[in-house]
Amino acid sequence: MALERYGFIVKSADLEFLKHHARLKSDAFDMSISGVSNVEEAMLVAQEMITKGIQLIELCGGFLPEDAQRVRDAINDHIPVGVVQYSDEERARLKRELA
């Protein structure tokens, strides 16, 4: 089965999952984007995404691997959940440039 429905969850302290969400849709691709302020909200959003037929979820780099596991557990590992990761070099650059 081809990937047609994709979910992305981004985390920032001032995001509200009921307010900060969007959808990008074309004939062949449908992406749901949700903003959350913590992992508990990400777990709720992931559960909702399952009900909408999302086939995989990616979490932004603000989530830890343990957070991804909590999201997987919240959806009973129903679909793949990944986390955007940066190399050690890029993490050091982010720390320097965003400090």
Protein backbone atom coordinates (compact mmCIF):
# COMPACT_ATOMS: atom_id res chain seq x y z
CA MET A 1 0.00 0.00 0.00
CA ALA A 2 1.33 3.43 -0.92
CA LEU A 3 1.71 6.14 1.69
CA GLU A 4 -1.21 8.50 1.23
CA ARG A 5 -2.02 9.76 4.74
CA TYR A 6 0.84 11.17 6.81
CA GLY A 7 0.83 12.75 10.27
CA PHE A 8 3.36 15.18 11.70
CA ILE A 9 3.33 16.43 15.29
CA VAL A 10 5.39 19.44 16.31
CA LYS A 11 6.01 20.50 19.92
CA SER A 12 6.40 23.98 21.39
CA ALA A 13 5.41 25.25 24.82
CA ASP A 14 2.90 27.75 23.40
CA LEU A 15 1.07 25.46 20.96
CA GLU A 16 -2.47 24.28 21.64
CA PHE A 17 -3.50 21.09 19.86
CA LEU A 18 -7.15 22.16 19.53
CA LYS A 19 -6.07 25.43 17.91
CA HIS A 20 -2.81 24.71 16.05
CA HIS A 21 -3.41 22.19 13.31
CA ALA A 22 -3.42 22.15 9.53
CA ARG A 23 -3.86 19.90 6.55
CA LEU A 24 -1.97 19.75 3.27
CA LYS A 25 -3.79 17.78 0.62
CA SER A 26 -3.16 16.87 -2.99
CA ASP A 27 -4.65 14.17 -5.19
CA ALA A 28 -2.11 11.61 -3.99
CA PHE A 29 -1.05 12.82 -0.54
CA ASP A 30 -2.81 13.99 2.61
CA MET A 31 -0.80 15.40 5.51
CA SER A 32 -2.19 16.29 8.93
CA ILE A 33 -0.03 18.60 11.04
CA SER A 34 -0.70 19.24 14.71
CA GLY A 35 1.04 21.42 17.26
CA VAL A 36 1.21 20.31 20.88
CA SER A 37 2.84 21.62 24.04
CA ASN A 38 3.77 18.28 25.59
CA VAL A 39 3.93 14.54 25.05
CA GLU A 40 0.57 13.93 26.72
CA GLU A 41 -1.11 16.08 24.06
CA ALA A 42 0.91 14.29 21.36
CA MET A 43 -0.51 11.00 22.61
CA LEU A 44 -4.07 12.35 22.26
CA VAL A 45 -3.37 13.77 18.80
CA ALA A 46 -1.84 10.48 17.66
CA GLN A 47 -4.94 8.62 18.81
CA GLU A 48 -7.12 11.03 16.83
CA MET A 49 -4.88 10.64 13.77
CA ILE A 50 -5.46 6.88 13.87
CA THR A 51 -9.20 7.46 13.64
CA LYS A 52 -8.61 9.56 10.50
CA GLY A 53 -6.69 6.82 8.71
CA ILE A 54 -3.19 8.25 9.11
CA GLN A 55 -0.65 5.60 8.03
CA LEU A 56 2.44 6.90 9.86
CA ILE A 57 3.33 9.62 12.32
CA GLU A 58 6.53 11.61 12.61
CA LEU A 59 7.38 13.66 15.66
CA CYS A 60 9.52 16.80 15.43
CA GLY A 61 13.04 16.86 16.85
CA GLY A 62 11.73 18.35 20.10
CA PHE A 63 10.55 14.89 21.15
CA LEU A 64 12.85 12.38 22.82
CA PRO A 65 12.96 8.69 21.89
CA GLU A 66 11.14 7.97 25.18
CA ASP A 67 8.38 10.34 24.08
CA ALA A 68 8.03 8.46 20.80
CA GLN A 69 7.64 5.24 22.75
CA ARG A 70 4.89 6.79 24.86
CA VAL A 71 3.09 7.81 21.66
CA ARG A 72 3.53 4.28 20.24
CA ASP A 73 2.11 2.84 23.45
CA ALA A 74 -0.83 5.27 23.34
CA ILE A 75 -1.80 3.99 19.88
CA ASN A 76 -1.00 0.36 20.69
CA ASP A 77 1.79 0.44 18.08
CA HIS A 78 -0.95 0.52 15.43
CA ILE A 79 1.20 2.45 12.91
CA PRO A 80 4.88 3.44 12.71
CA VAL A 81 5.97 6.45 14.79
CA GLY A 82 9.28 8.12 14.00
CA VAL A 83 11.22 11.07 15.40
CA VAL A 84 13.12 13.64 13.36
CA GLN A 85 16.71 13.45 14.55
CA TYR A 86 19.78 15.60 14.02
CA SER A 87 23.37 14.41 13.87
CA ASP A 88 25.64 15.34 16.76
CA GLU A 89 27.22 17.96 14.51
CA GLU A 90 23.86 19.55 13.69
CA ARG A 91 22.78 19.47 17.34
CA ALA A 92 25.92 21.39 18.29
CA ARG A 93 25.19 23.89 15.52
CA LEU A 94 21.59 24.31 16.71
CA LYS A 95 22.81 24.88 20.25
CA ARG A 96 25.26 27.56 19.07
CA GLU A 97 22.91 29.33 16.69
CA LEU A 98 19.71 29.17 18.75
CA ALA A 99 21.18 29.91 22.16
